[in-house]
């Protein structure tokens, strides 16, 4: 008494091979070739790696078996001598196994009782192992950029990398990249695996050729940011078209896949402003001048480590403790040494004021003064800060004199300026 077992793999369009995301029907045929009934027959089949079971796909002799699952076991009940049963179910190929093949083996357990006076005999028999190649050529490209934040005029290097993750060659590979609005392709900047490809252009397609299984390729090219996009963002997707032939008896298959979107922020590139003004249009010897320095951050990122200095001309003297920053006094601070502001956020302004006194006659009759500002910017958080060093436009005040006696002496007594020998206020 025994069951004759047979396992047959049937593929919807071609025997003996599978492709990813295809349905694969498995069929297990049983026949009782013995002389007594086989009872309590149970067919189990652990779904192979790289596949998933299709619910409600089990049939017994073409009769649907709702909720039946081969992993839990499909009951057949009894087969009389010479009787047979055909069990079918379907799986979906979801991934490529490391070996490139799907292996499957089931088990059939049953009982028979050759001697009615003795307990039944239990038997478990494995089905023959089926080995089915998974023929597929597949590409999953990734696109990166060397910058995450740029300004108009900057150059971006885009890199597209992909590998043939399948089991058969992919041919006629072409990489196409419709350049984003606001950018211009840099001619002759295309490289494939670091080898220059003259005259290649991503907008019309970069031919790559063939990739065998596990082979990879890296394509790079450059664009320049020429205008500010409406939303200040550059978004880009590349597409890869290729051909593969999983079944040699059928025509090749052409596939197009795209990279995940990559987004780059574009700074508006509006220059920051640093302006120096004075509260007078002319000055005499002994007059006081209030200088105002205004710095405005017109950008979209903070300005850090702001330091303002003013190397005063020799004909003026700084009035001690006269520095204010946004109206707040800064005792002990001097513009000649430096006024530290730290951080100025986007759209913010900082106003620095201080007082000087005209203590000497300028040689050319003009009091000329230029202030200096230094700060750091970090447009790209992945790279070191950028150091900026700028100066204001010169502030020029005509000197009118001599208005007072050359022997007139005005000096600071520790509390205020006083003038010896004259009633005129300092």
Protein backbone atom coordinates (compact mmCIF):
# COMPACT_ATOMS: atom_id res chain seq x y z
CA UNK A 1 0.00 0.00 0.00
CA UNK A 2 1.46 3.36 -0.99
CA UNK A 3 0.64 6.66 -2.63
CA UNK A 4 2.30 7.50 -5.90
CA UNK A 5 3.35 11.14 -5.71
CA UNK A 6 3.98 13.57 -8.50
CA UNK A 7 4.67 17.35 -8.35
CA UNK A 8 4.39 19.49 -11.44
CA UNK A 9 5.25 23.17 -11.79
CA UNK A 10 3.25 25.03 -14.41
CA UNK A 11 4.02 28.64 -15.43
CA UNK A 12 1.39 30.76 -17.11
CA UNK A 13 3.38 31.51 -20.23
CA UNK A 14 6.48 29.31 -20.28
CA UNK A 15 7.49 26.13 -18.48
CA UNK A 16 10.51 25.89 -16.25
CA UNK A 17 11.11 29.62 -15.67
CA UNK A 18 9.64 32.53 -13.74
CA UNK A 19 9.91 36.30 -13.78
CA UNK A 20 9.41 38.68 -10.92
CA UNK A 21 5.83 39.75 -10.19
CA UNK A 22 4.47 36.79 -12.12
CA UNK A 23 1.93 34.31 -10.76
CA UNK A 24 3.21 30.75 -10.52
CA UNK A 25 0.69 27.90 -10.18
CA UNK A 26 1.98 24.86 -8.29
CA UNK A 27 0.24 21.54 -8.92
CA UNK A 28 0.62 18.44 -6.77
CA UNK A 29 -0.88 15.23 -8.17
CA UNK A 30 -1.54 12.22 -5.93
CA UNK A 31 -2.69 8.71 -6.80
CA UNK A 32 -3.40 5.76 -4.51
CA UNK A 33 -1.73 2.87 -6.29
CA UNK A 34 -2.34 0.53 -3.38
CA UNK A 35 -5.16 -1.92 -2.66
CA UNK A 36 -6.66 -0.27 0.42
CA UNK A 37 -7.85 3.28 1.11
CA UNK A 38 -5.46 6.06 2.16
CA UNK A 39 -7.05 8.14 4.90
CA UNK A 40 -6.51 11.54 6.56
CA UNK A 41 -4.37 12.79 3.67
CA UNK A 42 -2.79 16.20 4.36
CA UNK A 43 -0.70 18.11 1.83
CA UNK A 44 1.60 20.80 3.23
CA UNK A 45 3.89 23.12 1.31
CA UNK A 46 5.99 25.85 2.90
CA UNK A 47 5.88 28.77 0.49
CA UNK A 48 9.39 29.27 -0.96
CA UNK A 49 11.54 32.32 -0.30
CA UNK A 50 10.90 35.09 -2.81
CA UNK A 51 7.21 34.30 -3.19
CA UNK A 52 3.94 35.02 -1.42
CA UNK A 53 0.83 32.84 -1.36
CA UNK A 54 -2.24 34.07 -3.26
CA UNK A 55 -5.18 33.82 -0.91
CA UNK A 56 -8.16 31.66 -2.03
CA UNK A 57 -6.14 30.17 -4.89
CA UNK A 58 -6.26 26.55 -3.64
CA UNK A 59 -8.26 24.05 -5.67
CA UNK A 60 -8.75 20.29 -5.29
CA UNK A 61 -9.71 18.63 -8.55
CA UNK A 62 -10.54 22.13 -9.83
CA UNK A 63 -12.94 22.78 -6.95
CA UNK A 64 -12.03 26.02 -5.06
CA UNK A 65 -11.10 25.60 -1.41
CA UNK A 66 -11.68 29.00 0.22
CA UNK A 67 -9.37 29.85 3.14
CA UNK A 68 -7.20 26.77 2.50
CA UNK A 69 -3.47 27.46 2.81
CA UNK A 70 -0.68 25.05 1.85
CA UNK A 71 1.54 26.27 4.69
CA UNK A 72 -1.10 25.17 7.23
CA UNK A 73 -1.97 22.01 5.30
CA UNK A 74 -4.60 21.11 2.73
CA UNK A 75 -6.79 18.15 3.82
CA UNK A 76 -7.77 15.64 1.13
CA UNK A 77 -9.74 13.18 3.27
CA UNK A 78 -9.64 9.69 1.66
CA UNK A 79 -8.40 8.24 -1.61
CA UNK A 80 -9.68 4.80 -2.56
CA UNK A 81 -7.42 2.43 -4.53
CA UNK A 82 -6.63 3.82 -8.01
CA UNK A 83 -8.25 7.12 -7.05
CA UNK A 84 -6.28 10.36 -7.61
CA UNK A 85 -6.40 14.01 -6.56
CA UNK A 86 -4.89 17.16 -8.01
CA UNK A 87 -4.12 20.08 -5.69
CA UNK A 88 -3.22 23.46 -7.15
CA UNK A 89 -2.38 26.82 -5.65
CA UNK A 90 -0.66 29.95 -6.81
CA UNK A 91 2.17 32.10 -5.51
CA UNK A 92 3.43 35.51 -6.58
CA UNK A 93 7.13 35.94 -7.29
CA UNK A 94 7.99 39.00 -5.18
CA UNK A 95 11.79 39.04 -5.16
CA UNK A 96 14.80 37.37 -6.63
CA UNK A 97 16.29 34.69 -4.35
CA UNK A 98 20.06 34.97 -3.81
CA UNK A 99 20.57 31.83 -5.88
CA UNK A 100 18.42 33.15 -8.73
CA UNK A 101 16.22 30.06 -8.39
CA UNK A 102 13.05 29.23 -6.50
CA UNK A 103 13.18 25.83 -4.83
CA UNK A 104 10.05 24.19 -3.51
CA UNK A 105 9.21 20.93 -1.77
CA UNK A 106 5.99 19.77 -0.18
CA UNK A 107 5.03 16.93 2.14
CA UNK A 108 2.16 14.46 1.98
CA UNK A 109 1.07 12.65 5.13
CA UNK A 110 -1.59 9.93 5.28
CA UNK A 111 -2.71 6.83 7.15
CA UNK A 112 -3.63 3.33 6.03
CA UNK A 113 -4.70 0.19 7.93
CA UNK A 114 -3.59 -3.08 6.29
CA UNK A 115 -4.63 -5.06 9.41
CA UNK A 116 -7.99 -4.06 10.92
CA UNK A 117 -6.92 -5.56 14.23
CA UNK A 118 -3.99 -3.20 14.52
CA UNK A 119 -3.64 0.59 14.69
CA UNK A 120 -3.36 2.56 11.41
CA UNK A 121 0.08 3.19 9.93
CA UNK A 122 1.09 6.86 9.52
CA UNK A 123 3.32 7.86 6.61
CA UNK A 124 4.87 11.22 5.64
CA UNK A 125 6.47 11.46 2.23
CA UNK A 126 8.22 14.52 0.73
CA UNK A 127 7.43 15.55 -2.80
CA UNK A 128 10.25 15.84 -5.31
CA UNK A 129 12.04 19.22 -5.13
CA UNK A 130 11.33 21.60 -7.97
CA UNK A 131 13.98 24.12 -9.00
CA UNK A 132 12.77 26.99 -11.12
CA UNK A 133 15.04 29.72 -12.48
CA UNK A 134 13.84 33.29 -12.01
CA UNK A 135 14.75 35.09 -15.20
CA UNK A 136 14.64 38.83 -14.72
CA UNK A 137 16.74 41.87 -15.42
CA UNK A 138 16.01 44.69 -13.03
CA UNK A 139 17.40 48.14 -12.26
CA UNK A 140 16.66 50.34 -9.24
CA UNK A 141 18.46 53.65 -9.88
CA UNK A 142 19.45 56.24 -7.29
CA UNK A 143 20.17 59.90 -8.02
CA UNK A 144 22.25 62.20 -5.82
CA UNK A 145 23.64 65.75 -5.98
CA UNK A 146 26.82 67.22 -4.53
CA UNK A 147 24.91 70.19 -3.04
CA UNK A 148 21.68 70.50 -1.08
CA UNK A 149 21.54 74.32 -1.13
CA UNK A 150 22.76 76.49 -4.01
CA UNK A 151 22.65 80.04 -5.31
CA UNK A 152 22.15 81.37 -8.82
CA UNK A 153 25.40 80.84 -10.70
CA UNK A 154 26.41 77.72 -8.78
CA UNK A 155 27.21 74.42 -10.49
CA UNK A 156 25.55 71.16 -9.40
CA UNK A 157 26.96 67.71 -10.12
CA UNK A 158 24.23 65.08 -10.47
CA UNK A 159 25.15 61.40 -10.11
CA UNK A 160 22.97 58.45 -11.13
CA UNK A 161 23.96 54.98 -9.94
CA UNK A 162 22.34 51.63 -10.64
CA UNK A 163 23.10 47.92 -10.76
CA UNK A 164 21.62 45.00 -12.64
CA UNK A 165 20.03 43.28 -9.67
CA UNK A 166 18.53 40.54 -11.83
CA UNK A 167 19.66 37.19 -13.17
CA UNK A 168 19.86 37.98 -16.90
CA UNK A 169 21.54 40.80 -18.86
CA UNK A 170 19.81 44.13 -19.43
CA UNK A 171 20.55 45.73 -22.78
CA UNK A 172 20.05 48.97 -24.69
CA UNK A 173 20.22 51.00 -21.48
CA UNK A 174 19.56 54.71 -21.92
CA UNK A 175 19.55 57.34 -19.17
CA UNK A 176 17.41 60.42 -19.75
CA UNK A 177 17.19 63.47 -17.54
CA UNK A 178 14.97 66.40 -18.47
CA UNK A 179 16.85 69.18 -16.74
CA UNK A 180 14.88 71.14 -14.15
CA UNK A 181 13.65 74.66 -14.78
CA UNK A 182 16.26 77.25 -13.86
CA UNK A 183 19.27 75.13 -14.83
CA UNK A 184 21.46 74.76 -17.89
CA UNK A 185 23.49 71.68 -18.85
CA UNK A 186 27.27 72.13 -18.78
CA UNK A 187 28.48 70.79 -22.16
CA UNK A 188 30.88 67.83 -22.16
CA UNK A 189 30.41 67.23 -18.44
CA UNK A 190 28.98 63.69 -18.78
CA UNK A 191 31.06 60.81 -17.43
CA UNK A 192 30.29 57.08 -17.27
CA UNK A 193 32.29 55.32 -14.58
CA UNK A 194 34.54 58.42 -14.46
CA UNK A 195 35.26 58.22 -18.20
CA UNK A 196 34.31 61.42 -20.11
CA UNK A 197 31.67 61.00 -22.81
CA UNK A 198 32.02 64.00 -25.16
CA UNK A 199 28.86 65.44 -26.69
CA UNK A 200 26.57 63.30 -24.52
CA UNK A 201 23.52 65.13 -23.20
CA UNK A 202 21.13 63.82 -20.52
CA UNK A 203 18.18 65.62 -22.12
CA UNK A 204 18.46 63.51 -25.28
CA UNK A 205 19.60 60.34 -23.54
CA UNK A 206 22.93 58.90 -22.45
CA UNK A 207 23.51 55.41 -23.95
CA UNK A 208 25.02 52.94 -21.49
CA UNK A 209 24.83 49.65 -23.41
CA UNK A 210 24.55 46.34 -21.55
CA UNK A 211 24.84 45.38 -17.90
CA UNK A 212 25.28 41.76 -16.91
CA UNK A 213 23.92 40.52 -13.57
CA UNK A 214 25.60 42.27 -10.58
CA UNK A 215 27.34 44.82 -12.84
CA UNK A 216 26.83 48.49 -11.99
CA UNK A 217 27.35 51.87 -13.59
CA UNK A 218 27.75 55.46 -12.35
CA UNK A 219 26.80 58.40 -14.55
CA UNK A 220 27.60 62.00 -13.63
CA UNK A 221 26.94 65.33 -15.29
CA UNK A 222 26.85 69.01 -14.33
CA UNK A 223 24.28 71.77 -14.57
CA UNK A 224 24.50 75.45 -13.73
CA UNK A 225 21.79 77.33 -11.85
CA UNK A 226 20.88 80.22 -14.14
CA UNK A 227 17.62 81.56 -12.65
CA UNK A 228 15.74 81.47 -9.38
CA UNK A 229 12.86 78.93 -9.56
CA UNK A 230 9.42 80.20 -8.57
CA UNK A 231 9.35 78.09 -5.41
CA UNK A 232 13.11 78.38 -4.79
CA UNK A 233 13.43 74.60 -5.24
CA UNK A 234 15.05 72.52 -7.97
CA UNK A 235 13.35 69.13 -8.27
CA UNK A 236 14.72 66.49 -10.61
CA UNK A 237 14.01 62.91 -11.65
CA UNK A 238 16.02 60.76 -14.06
CA UNK A 239 14.56 57.86 -16.05
CA UNK A 240 16.30 54.70 -17.22
CA UNK A 241 14.98 52.65 -20.13
CA UNK A 242 16.32 49.15 -20.77
CA UNK A 243 15.48 45.86 -22.46
CA UNK A 244 15.53 42.32 -21.07
CA UNK A 245 14.44 38.93 -22.40
CA UNK A 246 13.35 36.59 -19.59
CA UNK A 247 11.90 34.10 -22.10
CA UNK A 248 13.95 33.41 -25.22
CA UNK A 249 10.80 32.20 -26.99
CA UNK A 250 9.13 35.56 -26.63
CA UNK A 251 10.06 39.12 -27.69
CA UNK A 252 12.27 41.24 -25.40
CA UNK A 253 10.60 43.41 -22.78
CA UNK A 254 11.31 47.16 -22.59
CA UNK A 255 11.13 48.68 -19.12
CA UNK A 256 11.35 52.30 -17.93
CA UNK A 257 12.09 53.10 -14.31
CA UNK A 258 12.73 56.40 -12.57
CA UNK A 259 14.88 57.63 -9.73
CA UNK A 260 13.30 58.96 -6.55
CA UNK A 261 12.94 62.77 -6.79
CA UNK A 262 15.86 64.85 -5.60
CA UNK A 263 15.25 68.39 -4.31
CA UNK A 264 17.76 71.23 -3.97
CA UNK A 265 17.05 74.58 -2.33
CA UNK A 266 18.04 77.74 -4.21
CA UNK A 267 18.93 80.84 -2.23
CA UNK A 268 17.46 84.03 -3.71
CA UNK A 269 21.00 85.43 -3.84
CA UNK A 270 19.91 88.89 -2.72
CA UNK A 271 22.96 90.68 -1.35
CA UNK A 272 23.04 91.67 2.29
CA UNK A 273 23.32 95.41 2.86
CA UNK A 274 25.79 97.28 5.08
CA UNK A 275 25.30 101.05 5.14
CA UNK A 276 27.09 103.78 7.08
CA UNK A 277 25.52 107.22 7.61
CA UNK A 278 26.22 110.32 9.71
CA UNK A 279 23.87 112.76 11.41
CA UNK A 280 25.61 115.83 9.97
CA UNK A 281 26.41 117.06 6.47
CA UNK A 282 29.48 119.05 7.54
CA UNK A 283 31.59 119.47 10.66
CA UNK A 284 33.78 121.98 12.45
CA UNK A 285 36.64 121.36 14.78
CA UNK A 286 35.20 120.18 18.10
CA UNK A 287 31.87 119.01 16.67
CA UNK A 288 30.33 115.68 17.54
CA UNK A 289 29.26 113.22 14.85
CA UNK A 290 26.90 110.29 15.39
CA UNK A 291 27.64 107.46 12.98
CA UNK A 292 24.97 104.84 12.24
CA UNK A 293 25.87 101.43 10.78
CA UNK A 294 22.94 99.36 9.50
CA UNK A 295 23.33 95.73 8.45
CA UNK A 296 20.37 93.84 6.91
CA UNK A 297 20.27 90.11 6.24
CA UNK A 298 18.42 89.85 2.92
CA UNK A 299 19.04 86.14 2.54
CA UNK A 300 17.18 83.02 3.62
CA UNK A 301 19.70 81.67 6.12
CA UNK A 302 21.15 83.12 9.33
CA UNK A 303 24.29 85.23 9.32
CA UNK A 304 26.56 84.17 12.19
CA UNK A 305 29.57 85.51 14.08
CA UNK A 306 28.89 89.10 12.96
CA UNK A 307 31.71 91.49 13.87
CA UNK A 308 31.62 95.19 12.96
CA UNK A 309 34.77 97.31 13.13
CA UNK A 310 35.44 100.92 12.22
CA UNK A 311 39.03 102.12 11.96
CA UNK A 312 38.29 105.79 12.61
CA UNK A 313 40.19 108.43 10.66
CA UNK A 314 42.89 110.34 12.60
CA UNK A 315 40.93 113.60 12.73
CA UNK A 316 38.18 112.16 14.97
CA UNK A 317 38.22 110.66 18.47
CA UNK A 318 35.80 108.01 19.69
CA UNK A 319 33.46 109.15 22.45
CA UNK A 320 33.76 106.43 25.14
CA UNK A 321 30.70 104.36 26.10
CA UNK A 322 28.65 105.83 23.25
CA UNK A 323 28.05 102.54 21.40
CA UNK A 324 24.48 101.26 21.14
CA UNK A 325 23.21 98.16 19.30
CA UNK A 326 19.54 98.35 18.34
CA UNK A 327 19.17 101.08 20.96
CA UNK A 328 20.81 99.09 23.77
CA UNK A 329 23.98 100.58 25.27
CA UNK A 330 27.21 98.61 25.00
CA UNK A 331 29.47 100.11 27.69
CA UNK A 332 33.15 99.48 27.19
CA UNK A 333 32.71 98.60 23.51
CA UNK A 334 34.77 100.38 20.87
CA UNK A 335 34.28 100.30 17.09
CA UNK A 336 38.03 100.31 16.55
CA UNK A 337 38.35 97.03 18.45
CA UNK A 338 35.13 95.46 17.17
CA UNK A 339 31.43 95.27 18.01
CA UNK A 340 30.25 91.65 18.22
CA UNK A 341 26.66 91.01 17.08
CA UNK A 342 26.71 87.18 16.85
CA UNK A 343 23.67 86.14 14.73
CA UNK A 344 21.37 88.08 12.40
CA UNK A 345 18.44 86.02 11.12
CA UNK A 346 16.88 86.35 7.65
CA UNK A 347 15.05 89.67 7.10
CA UNK A 348 16.48 91.06 10.35
CA UNK A 349 18.48 94.27 10.65
CA UNK A 350 20.95 95.41 13.26
CA UNK A 351 21.64 99.11 13.89
CA UNK A 352 24.89 100.21 15.54
CA UNK A 353 25.45 103.81 16.62
CA UNK A 354 28.40 105.56 18.20
CA UNK A 355 29.71 109.11 18.63
CA UNK A 356 33.01 110.67 17.64
CA UNK A 357 34.40 114.19 18.05
CA UNK A 358 36.32 116.11 15.43
CA UNK A 359 39.65 116.78 17.13
CA UNK A 360 41.87 117.71 14.18
CA UNK A 361 41.61 119.27 10.75
CA UNK A 362 41.74 116.71 7.91
CA UNK A 363 44.48 117.34 5.37
CA UNK A 364 42.19 117.28 2.35
CA UNK A 365 39.27 119.03 4.05
CA UNK A 366 37.16 115.85 4.16
CA UNK A 367 36.40 113.46 7.01
CA UNK A 368 36.27 110.10 5.23
CA UNK A 369 35.34 106.90 7.00
CA UNK A 370 34.58 103.30 5.98
CA UNK A 371 33.28 100.57 8.30
CA UNK A 372 33.96 96.85 7.97
CA UNK A 373 31.74 93.82 8.67
CA UNK A 374 32.77 90.18 8.85
CA UNK A 375 30.49 87.16 9.28
CA UNK A 376 29.97 83.54 8.33
CA UNK A 377 27.30 81.85 6.20
CA UNK A 378 26.49 78.16 5.91
CA UNK A 379 24.38 77.69 2.76
CA UNK A 380 25.06 73.94 2.74
CA UNK A 381 24.83 72.29 6.20
CA UNK A 382 27.00 69.43 4.95
CA UNK A 383 29.93 71.74 4.23
CA UNK A 384 32.04 74.19 6.30
CA UNK A 385 30.81 77.79 6.75
CA UNK A 386 31.71 80.49 4.23
CA UNK A 387 33.60 83.53 5.54
CA UNK A 388 32.43 86.96 4.31
CA UNK A 389 34.40 90.21 4.67
CA UNK A 390 32.75 93.42 3.40
CA UNK A 391 33.06 97.17 3.79
CA UNK A 392 30.53 99.98 3.67
CA UNK A 393 30.55 102.71 1.08
CA UNK A 394 32.78 105.58 2.33
CA UNK A 395 31.01 108.21 4.39
CA UNK A 396 32.36 111.66 3.54
CA UNK A 397 31.76 114.79 5.64
CA UNK A 398 33.19 118.16 4.52
CA UNK A 399 35.26 119.91 7.19
CA UNK A 400 34.55 123.62 7.69
CA UNK A 401 37.33 125.51 9.32
CA UNK A 402 39.27 126.87 10.89
CA UNK A 403 36.28 127.95 12.99
CA UNK A 404 37.98 128.14 16.37
CA UNK A 405 41.35 129.20 17.66
CA UNK A 406 44.12 126.68 16.96
CA UNK A 407 44.97 126.82 20.66
CA UNK A 408 41.47 125.74 21.60
CA UNK A 409 41.67 122.54 23.58
CA UNK A 410 38.72 120.18 24.07
CA UNK A 411 39.25 117.11 26.15
CA UNK A 412 37.37 114.38 28.04
CA UNK A 413 37.55 114.79 31.83
CA UNK A 414 36.21 111.32 32.59
CA UNK A 415 32.57 112.32 32.55
CA UNK A 416 32.16 114.66 29.60
CA UNK A 417 34.04 116.67 27.01
CA UNK A 418 35.01 120.20 28.08
CA UNK A 419 36.79 123.01 26.25
CA UNK A 420 39.39 125.02 28.04
CA UNK A 421 39.21 128.82 27.53
CA UNK A 422 35.95 128.95 25.59
CA UNK A 423 32.30 128.94 26.48
CA UNK A 424 31.44 127.07 23.28
CA UNK A 425 30.13 123.59 24.10
CA UNK A 426 32.11 120.56 23.10
